[in-house]
Protein backbone atom coordinates (compact mmCIF):
# COMPACT_ATOMS: atom_id res chain seq x y z
CA MET A 1 -37.52 -7.21 96.22
CA PRO A 2 -36.28 -10.17 94.24
CA GLN A 3 -34.63 -9.31 90.82
CA GLN A 4 -36.71 -10.43 87.84
CA GLN A 5 -35.01 -12.74 85.37
CA LYS A 6 -35.11 -11.83 81.68
CA THR A 7 -36.67 -14.48 79.54
CA GLU A 8 -36.26 -14.79 75.76
CA ASN A 9 -39.24 -15.38 73.55
CA PRO A 10 -38.73 -18.83 72.08
CA LYS A 11 -40.09 -17.67 68.75
CA THR A 12 -37.63 -14.75 68.62
CA LEU A 13 -34.68 -17.06 69.37
CA GLU A 14 -35.79 -19.46 66.68
CA ASP A 15 -36.01 -16.60 64.13
CA GLN A 16 -32.53 -15.38 64.98
CA THR A 17 -31.11 -18.89 64.67
CA ARG A 18 -32.77 -19.32 61.28
CA ALA A 19 -31.47 -15.91 60.14
CA LEU A 20 -27.92 -16.83 61.18
CA GLY A 21 -28.21 -20.09 59.26
CA GLU A 22 -29.39 -18.27 56.15
CA THR A 23 -26.56 -15.77 56.47
CA ARG A 24 -24.04 -18.58 56.83
CA ALA A 25 -25.44 -20.32 53.76
CA ALA A 26 -25.31 -17.07 51.76
CA LEU A 27 -21.70 -16.49 52.79
CA LEU A 28 -20.79 -20.05 51.79
CA ASN A 29 -22.49 -19.53 48.42
CA MET A 30 -20.59 -16.27 47.94
CA LEU A 31 -17.33 -18.01 48.80
CA GLU A 32 -18.13 -20.79 46.34
CA ASP A 33 -18.99 -18.24 43.63
CA THR A 34 -15.80 -16.31 44.34
CA GLU A 35 -13.74 -19.49 44.17
CA GLU A 36 -15.46 -20.48 40.92
CA ALA A 37 -14.80 -17.03 39.45
CA ARG A 38 -11.17 -17.27 40.56
CA ARG A 39 -10.81 -20.69 38.94
CA GLU A 40 -12.42 -19.43 35.71
CA ALA A 41 -10.15 -16.36 35.68
CA GLU A 42 -7.13 -18.58 36.26
CA GLU A 43 -8.21 -20.92 33.48
CA GLY A 44 -8.86 -17.96 31.18
CA LYS A 45 -5.41 -16.59 31.96
CA LYS A 46 -3.83 -19.97 31.22
CA ARG A 47 -5.75 -20.24 27.94
CA THR A 48 -4.61 -16.75 26.93
CA GLU A 49 -1.00 -17.54 27.83
CA LEU A 50 -1.22 -20.80 25.89
CA ILE A 51 -2.58 -19.01 22.81
CA ILE A 52 0.11 -16.32 23.03
CA ARG A 53 2.86 -18.91 23.49
CA ASN A 54 1.70 -20.86 20.44
CA LEU A 55 1.03 -17.91 18.13
CA SER A 56 2.74 -18.30 14.75
CA ASP A 57 3.40 -14.53 14.85
CA GLY A 58 5.62 -12.58 17.21
CA LEU A 59 3.85 -10.57 19.91
CA LEU A 60 5.11 -7.79 22.19
CA VAL A 61 2.96 -5.87 24.67
CA PHE A 62 4.10 -2.53 26.09
CA GLY A 63 2.50 -0.85 29.08
CA ALA A 64 1.35 2.77 29.32
CA ASP A 65 4.86 3.74 30.43
CA LEU A 66 6.21 1.95 27.30
CA THR A 67 8.01 -0.74 29.24
CA LEU A 68 7.82 -4.25 27.80
CA GLN A 69 5.19 -6.24 29.71
CA ALA A 70 4.99 -9.42 27.64
CA ILE A 71 6.76 -11.20 24.80
CA ASN A 72 5.92 -14.58 23.28
CA PRO A 73 8.40 -17.36 22.36
CA TYR A 74 8.15 -16.70 18.61
CA ALA A 75 9.25 -13.08 19.11
CA GLU A 76 12.08 -14.29 21.37
CA HIS A 77 13.26 -16.60 18.58
CA MET A 78 12.79 -13.90 15.93
CA PHE A 79 15.05 -11.42 17.74
CA ASN A 80 17.31 -14.03 19.40
CA ILE A 81 16.54 -12.79 22.92
CA GLU A 82 15.13 -14.20 26.18
CA GLN A 83 12.19 -12.65 27.98
CA GLU A 84 14.03 -12.51 31.30
CA ALA A 85 16.50 -10.09 29.72
CA VAL A 86 13.91 -7.72 28.25
CA LEU A 87 10.76 -7.70 30.41
CA GLN A 88 10.07 -4.44 32.25
CA LYS A 89 12.68 -2.68 30.10
CA SER A 90 11.96 0.75 28.62
CA LEU A 91 12.26 1.56 24.91
CA LYS A 92 15.55 3.35 25.60
CA GLU A 93 16.95 0.23 27.29
CA LEU A 94 15.63 -2.09 24.57
CA LYS A 95 17.23 0.05 21.88
CA ARG A 96 20.65 -0.98 23.19
CA ILE A 97 19.93 -4.58 22.11
CA PRO A 98 21.22 -4.84 18.51
CA THR A 99 18.42 -7.06 17.17
CA LEU A 100 15.71 -4.75 18.59
CA LYS A 101 17.26 -1.42 17.55
CA GLU A 102 15.35 -1.05 14.23
CA LEU A 103 12.01 -2.10 15.73
CA VAL A 104 12.34 0.27 18.70
CA GLY A 105 13.29 3.11 16.36
CA LEU A 106 10.11 2.45 14.36
CA LEU A 107 7.96 2.37 17.51
CA GLU A 108 9.46 5.65 18.78
CA LYS A 109 8.67 7.30 15.47
CA GLU A 110 5.10 5.96 15.12
CA ARG A 111 4.17 5.51 18.81
CA ASP A 112 1.00 7.64 18.73
CA GLN A 113 -0.74 5.97 15.81
CA ILE A 114 -1.84 2.65 14.37
CA PHE A 115 0.52 1.56 11.62
CA ARG A 116 1.61 -1.38 9.49
CA LYS A 117 5.10 -1.37 8.00
CA GLU A 118 7.75 -3.76 6.79
CA LEU A 119 11.01 -4.21 8.69
CA ASN A 120 14.20 -6.05 7.77
CA ILE A 121 15.63 -8.21 10.53
CA GLY A 122 19.22 -9.02 9.70
CA GLU A 123 20.06 -9.79 6.07
CA GLN A 124 17.60 -12.60 5.41
CA SER A 125 14.32 -11.94 7.23
CA VAL A 126 11.51 -9.48 6.55
CA VAL A 127 8.60 -8.95 8.96
CA GLU A 128 5.40 -6.96 8.74
CA VAL A 129 5.05 -4.88 11.90
CA THR A 130 1.52 -3.99 13.04
CA SER A 131 1.14 -1.70 16.04
CA ALA A 132 -2.07 -0.63 17.77
CA PRO A 133 -3.12 0.87 21.14
CA PHE A 134 -3.88 -1.74 23.81
CA GLN A 135 -6.04 -0.96 26.85
CA PRO A 136 -6.97 -4.02 28.92
CA GLY A 137 -8.32 -2.02 31.89
CA GLN A 138 -9.33 1.51 32.79
CA GLY A 139 -5.83 2.97 32.78
CA ALA A 140 -3.83 4.64 30.04
CA PRO A 141 -3.37 2.51 26.89
CA GLY A 142 -0.19 0.66 26.06
CA ILE A 143 0.92 -0.71 22.70
CA MET A 144 0.47 -4.18 21.22
CA VAL A 145 2.92 -5.08 18.44
CA VAL A 146 2.33 -8.06 16.12
CA LEU A 147 5.22 -9.29 13.94
CA HIS A 148 4.32 -11.40 10.89
CA ASP A 149 7.19 -13.05 9.01
CA ILE A 150 6.80 -12.33 5.28
CA THR A 151 10.27 -13.47 4.19
CA ARG A 152 8.89 -16.29 2.04
CA GLU A 153 6.31 -14.04 0.37
CA ARG A 154 8.98 -11.47 -0.49
CA GLU A 155 11.29 -14.18 -1.87
CA ILE A 156 8.48 -15.49 -4.09
CA GLU A 157 7.77 -11.95 -5.30
CA ARG A 158 11.47 -11.46 -6.05
CA MET A 159 11.59 -14.69 -8.07
CA LYS A 160 8.46 -13.69 -9.99
CA THR A 161 9.93 -10.28 -10.75
CA GLU A 162 13.19 -11.80 -11.96
CA PHE A 163 11.27 -14.22 -14.19
CA VAL A 164 9.17 -11.42 -15.70
CA SER A 165 12.29 -9.34 -16.31
CA LEU A 166 14.17 -12.23 -17.93
CA ALA A 167 11.20 -13.28 -20.09
CA ALA A 168 10.53 -9.71 -21.22
CA HIS A 169 14.16 -9.16 -22.19
CA GLN A 170 14.23 -12.44 -24.13
CA LEU A 171 11.00 -11.56 -25.98
CA ARG A 172 11.85 -7.99 -26.88
CA THR A 173 14.75 -8.80 -29.25
CA PRO A 174 12.91 -11.28 -31.52
CA LEU A 175 9.83 -9.05 -31.59
CA ALA A 176 11.95 -6.11 -32.73
CA ALA A 177 13.38 -8.33 -35.47
CA ILE A 178 9.88 -9.40 -36.54
CA LYS A 179 8.76 -5.77 -36.71
CA TRP A 180 11.86 -4.77 -38.71
CA SER A 181 11.37 -7.63 -41.22
CA THR A 182 7.65 -6.90 -41.58
CA GLN A 183 8.37 -3.21 -42.12
CA MET A 184 10.85 -4.06 -44.88
CA LEU A 185 8.27 -6.25 -46.62
CA LEU A 186 5.68 -3.50 -46.32
CA GLU A 187 8.07 -0.98 -47.89
CA GLY A 188 8.55 -3.27 -50.91
CA ASP A 189 12.12 -4.40 -50.25
CA ALA A 190 11.17 -7.95 -51.28
CA GLY A 191 8.95 -6.92 -54.20
CA LYS A 192 5.67 -5.18 -54.84
CA LEU A 193 2.77 -6.25 -52.64
CA ALA A 194 -0.90 -6.64 -53.38
CA ALA A 195 -3.41 -4.56 -51.39
CA GLU A 196 -4.46 -7.58 -49.30
CA GLN A 197 -0.83 -8.40 -48.48
CA GLU A 198 -0.20 -4.82 -47.36
CA GLU A 199 -3.26 -4.93 -45.11
CA LEU A 200 -2.12 -8.16 -43.48
CA LEU A 201 1.38 -6.78 -42.89
CA GLN A 202 -0.07 -3.57 -41.37
CA LYS A 203 -2.06 -5.69 -38.92
CA SER A 204 1.08 -7.67 -38.09
CA ILE A 205 3.01 -4.46 -37.32
CA LEU A 206 0.19 -3.16 -35.08
CA SER A 207 0.10 -6.45 -33.17
CA THR A 208 3.89 -6.46 -32.83
CA ASP A 209 3.85 -2.86 -31.55
CA ARG A 210 1.22 -3.84 -28.98
CA MET A 211 3.38 -6.74 -27.80
CA ILE A 212 6.47 -4.51 -27.56
CA ARG A 213 4.54 -1.93 -25.50
CA LEU A 214 3.33 -4.66 -23.15
CA ILE A 215 6.87 -6.00 -22.74
CA ASN A 216 8.20 -2.50 -22.03
CA ASP A 217 5.49 -2.06 -19.40
CA LEU A 218 6.41 -5.40 -17.80
CA LEU A 219 10.07 -4.37 -17.72
CA ASN A 220 9.13 -1.08 -16.06
CA VAL A 221 7.08 -2.97 -13.46
CA ALA A 222 9.99 -5.34 -12.81
CA ARG A 223 12.37 -2.41 -12.32
CA ILE A 224 9.96 -0.73 -9.92
CA GLU A 225 9.59 -3.88 -7.82
CA GLU A 226 13.36 -4.37 -7.77
CA GLY A 227 13.78 -0.80 -6.49
CA ARG A 228 15.99 0.32 -9.38
CA TYR A 229 13.79 2.61 -11.39
CA LEU A 230 14.93 6.24 -11.02
CA TYR A 231 18.25 6.80 -12.76
CA GLN A 232 18.87 10.38 -13.88
CA PRO A 233 17.41 12.99 -11.51
CA SER A 234 17.60 16.58 -12.70
CA PHE A 235 15.81 19.84 -12.01
CA GLU A 236 13.06 20.23 -14.63
CA LYS A 237 10.17 22.57 -15.39
CA ILE A 238 7.15 20.30 -15.17
CA GLY A 239 5.01 22.74 -17.14
CA GLY A 240 7.40 22.51 -20.09
CA ILE A 241 7.33 18.70 -20.04
CA VAL A 242 3.52 18.58 -19.95
CA LYS A 243 3.19 21.16 -22.73
CA SER A 244 5.59 19.28 -25.04
CA MET A 245 3.76 15.99 -24.40
CA VAL A 246 0.38 17.59 -25.20
CA GLU A 247 1.79 19.03 -28.43
CA SER A 248 3.15 15.62 -29.47
CA TYR A 249 -0.35 14.11 -29.16
CA GLN A 250 -2.21 16.83 -31.05
CA GLU A 251 -2.20 14.93 -34.35
CA THR A 252 -3.46 11.75 -32.68
CA ALA A 253 -6.22 13.73 -30.94
CA LYS A 254 -7.20 15.29 -34.25
CA GLN A 255 -7.52 11.86 -35.88
CA MET A 256 -9.65 10.69 -32.94
CA LYS A 257 -11.78 13.89 -33.22
CA ILE A 258 -10.97 14.82 -29.62
CA SER A 259 -10.15 18.34 -28.36
CA LEU A 260 -6.79 18.26 -26.53
CA GLU A 261 -5.79 21.37 -24.56
CA PHE A 262 -3.01 22.50 -22.23
CA LYS A 263 -3.63 25.00 -19.44
CA ALA A 264 -0.67 26.54 -17.65
CA GLY A 265 -0.85 28.23 -14.26
CA LYS A 266 -0.75 32.02 -13.88
CA GLU A 267 2.88 31.76 -12.85
CA GLU A 268 5.46 29.27 -14.01
CA ALA A 269 6.13 26.57 -11.40
CA PRO A 270 9.66 26.29 -9.96
CA ARG A 271 11.88 23.47 -11.17
CA VAL A 272 11.39 20.09 -9.50
CA LEU A 273 13.99 17.37 -9.05
CA VAL A 274 12.74 14.42 -11.13
CA ASP A 275 13.75 11.68 -13.50
CA ALA A 276 12.43 13.46 -16.61
CA GLU A 277 12.09 10.28 -18.68
CA LYS A 278 9.88 8.65 -16.05
CA ILE A 279 7.74 11.77 -15.61
CA ARG A 280 7.19 11.82 -19.38
CA LEU A 281 6.05 8.20 -19.10
CA VAL A 282 3.57 9.25 -16.38
CA ILE A 283 2.12 12.03 -18.54
CA GLN A 284 2.10 9.76 -21.61
CA ASN A 285 0.02 7.16 -19.73
CA LEU A 286 -2.41 9.78 -18.43
CA LEU A 287 -2.92 11.37 -21.86
CA GLU A 288 -3.28 8.05 -23.68
CA ASN A 289 -5.75 6.75 -21.08
CA ALA A 290 -7.83 9.93 -21.25
CA MET A 291 -7.92 9.98 -25.05
CA HIS A 292 -8.49 6.25 -25.41
CA TYR A 293 -11.60 6.24 -23.22
CA THR A 294 -13.09 9.50 -24.53
CA LYS A 295 -15.51 9.32 -27.44
CA ALA A 296 -15.23 11.43 -30.60
CA GLY A 297 -16.31 14.99 -29.89
CA GLY A 298 -15.04 14.78 -26.30
CA LYS A 299 -12.38 16.86 -24.58
CA VAL A 300 -9.11 16.19 -22.74
CA THR A 301 -7.43 18.96 -20.73
CA ALA A 302 -3.96 18.83 -19.17
CA SER A 303 -3.22 21.54 -16.60
CA VAL A 304 -0.36 22.54 -14.29
CA SER A 305 -0.61 24.52 -11.05
CA HIS A 306 1.51 25.01 -7.94
CA ASP A 307 1.69 26.48 -4.46
CA THR A 308 4.61 26.96 -2.07
CA LYS A 309 4.91 23.24 -1.31
CA GLU A 310 4.23 21.31 -4.50
CA VAL A 311 3.41 21.32 -8.21
CA GLN A 312 0.26 19.58 -9.43
CA VAL A 313 -0.48 18.11 -12.86
CA SER A 314 -4.05 17.13 -13.81
CA VAL A 315 -5.44 15.38 -16.87
CA ALA A 316 -9.21 15.67 -17.14
CA ASP A 317 -11.42 13.97 -19.73
CA THR A 318 -15.09 13.71 -20.63
CA GLY A 319 -14.86 9.96 -21.18
CA ILE A 320 -16.53 6.82 -19.85
CA GLY A 321 -15.48 7.35 -16.22
CA ILE A 322 -14.82 4.64 -13.61
CA PRO A 323 -17.62 2.71 -11.84
CA LYS A 324 -17.81 3.78 -8.18
CA GLU A 325 -17.62 0.23 -6.82
CA GLN A 326 -14.32 -0.36 -8.66
CA GLN A 327 -12.55 2.91 -7.90
CA SER A 328 -10.58 1.55 -4.94
CA ARG A 329 -8.64 -0.73 -7.32
CA VAL A 330 -7.65 1.81 -9.96
CA PHE A 331 -3.93 1.84 -9.11
CA GLU A 332 -3.63 -1.96 -8.75
CA LYS A 333 -1.41 -3.94 -11.10
CA PHE A 334 -3.31 -5.44 -14.08
CA PHE A 335 -6.65 -3.95 -12.99
CA ARG A 336 -9.05 -2.66 -15.64
CA ALA A 337 -12.59 -1.44 -15.01
CA THR A 338 -15.41 -3.44 -16.60
CA ASN A 339 -16.49 -0.58 -18.88
CA ALA A 340 -12.85 -0.05 -19.97
CA ARG A 341 -12.57 -3.72 -21.00
CA LYS A 342 -15.62 -3.30 -23.21
CA VAL A 343 -14.06 -0.32 -24.99
CA ASP A 344 -10.64 -1.98 -25.44
CA THR A 345 -10.02 -5.69 -24.85
CA ASP A 346 -6.25 -5.40 -25.39
CA GLY A 347 -5.21 -3.10 -22.51
CA SER A 348 -2.66 -4.42 -19.99
CA GLY A 349 -3.92 -2.65 -16.85
CA LEU A 350 -0.37 -1.51 -16.06
CA GLY A 351 -0.53 2.19 -17.04
CA LEU A 352 -1.95 3.65 -13.83
CA TYR A 353 0.05 1.20 -11.71
CA LEU A 354 3.19 2.66 -13.29
CA VAL A 355 1.90 6.21 -12.79
CA HIS A 356 1.23 5.62 -9.10
CA ASN A 357 4.60 3.99 -8.42
CA ILE A 358 6.67 6.51 -10.38
CA VAL A 359 5.00 9.44 -8.61
CA GLU A 360 5.43 7.85 -5.17
CA ALA A 361 9.09 7.10 -5.94
CA HIS A 362 9.53 10.87 -6.41
CA GLY A 363 7.94 11.52 -3.01
CA GLY A 364 4.65 12.66 -4.57
CA LYS A 365 1.02 11.53 -4.54
CA ALA A 366 -1.46 10.44 -7.21
CA TRP A 367 -5.26 10.49 -6.96
CA PHE A 368 -8.37 10.85 -9.09
CA GLU A 369 -12.00 11.91 -9.24
CA SER A 370 -14.40 10.09 -11.52
CA GLU A 371 -18.04 9.47 -12.27
CA LYS A 372 -19.23 6.77 -14.61
CA GLY A 373 -20.30 8.24 -17.94
CA LYS A 374 -19.11 11.75 -17.06
CA GLY A 375 -15.33 11.54 -17.14
CA THR A 376 -12.26 11.30 -14.97
CA THR A 377 -9.65 13.70 -13.61
CA LEU A 378 -6.32 12.14 -12.67
CA THR A 379 -3.93 14.31 -10.68
CA PHE A 380 -0.43 13.90 -9.33
CA SER A 381 1.70 16.19 -7.17
CA LEU A 382 5.45 16.51 -6.77
CA PRO A 383 6.97 18.21 -3.71
CA PHE A 384 9.47 21.08 -3.66
CA LYS A 385 11.71 19.27 -1.18
CA LYS A 386 15.46 19.00 -0.98
CA GLU A 387 15.10 15.65 0.75
CA ILE A 388 13.97 14.05 -2.50
CA ALA A 389 17.48 14.60 -3.89
CA ASP A 390 18.94 12.24 -1.30
CA PHE A 391 16.18 9.73 -1.99
CA LEU A 392 16.86 9.73 -5.73
CA LYS A 393 20.59 9.28 -5.23
CA LYS A 394 19.95 6.01 -3.44
CA LYS A 395 18.18 4.53 -6.44
């Protein structure tokens, strides 16, 4: 029997041919899309590299294993290094490079958190170091470090501080002479005065005193910013200092018709290593602020407490309080709340700035709680730490 030949259905063959053509076209489209995506990725990479190369800040990128993965030309110039010598190096290896030693030490100390700190590079340059986790993919995060040169800003600040210090010193001597001469006139050394003359001279003395206080505050600010503010550290009983300051203001409080009280803790706090003169200035500013912005019939309470780690001093008042929207600026230099300016137009806005800086220079903290129209409680703490002794000796 003859073998039958298989025959293909023309329609079926045509369908298969068309399907193959469609598949080929789809593959070509996929290849074109892939090529386009590759070109876009390449262009994006080039754009990113161009941006990094031309950044006006230094940039270093560390991988999850803390090896250096990228560095831009500005950072190379800043540290006087070449990327070929540092890429893929670990922190331990980078620390051997003299110009990177301080930066690496900072990164090792703060590696697990976002931070922004200043760093001296050599004798002339100062940079602001900002570090943050960096996770470009799905793996473990690395670290991205941005270095912003603030040498010029710090030099301008130094020049401003020197000018303020010089001007304040030059003003203080003639003002003291004016006060002394006015006081002599008021006491009748140049002859008897009429009532109107006495009144005018009293106003002159008050204005001169206000100017002298402002100049003293400016000098204190200048010393703080020059880093030469704490001079004579000694172990002191903070409770005793606060109590004596409260007693010295009792007569003033009485004249202002304000109740001024001191509350000691159940047990006397241990001695703390401080510059006693500066701590008195802190308490003076807190008491004067509280009394100045508390109306007649109000109350100011200074209290001292402690635990095993620190001593705390609080000054609470029933005064005008601080508006909530302005509370973040309380410790800024020259800042005064709007309601405070209405009560007293002559304040300098330096008192709480001095408080904050003096306390921080002692290794302590200052904070407050306030509600507009209901009063303010300002508190500072000082640590019982031996390390503060070394810190004070450096000043």
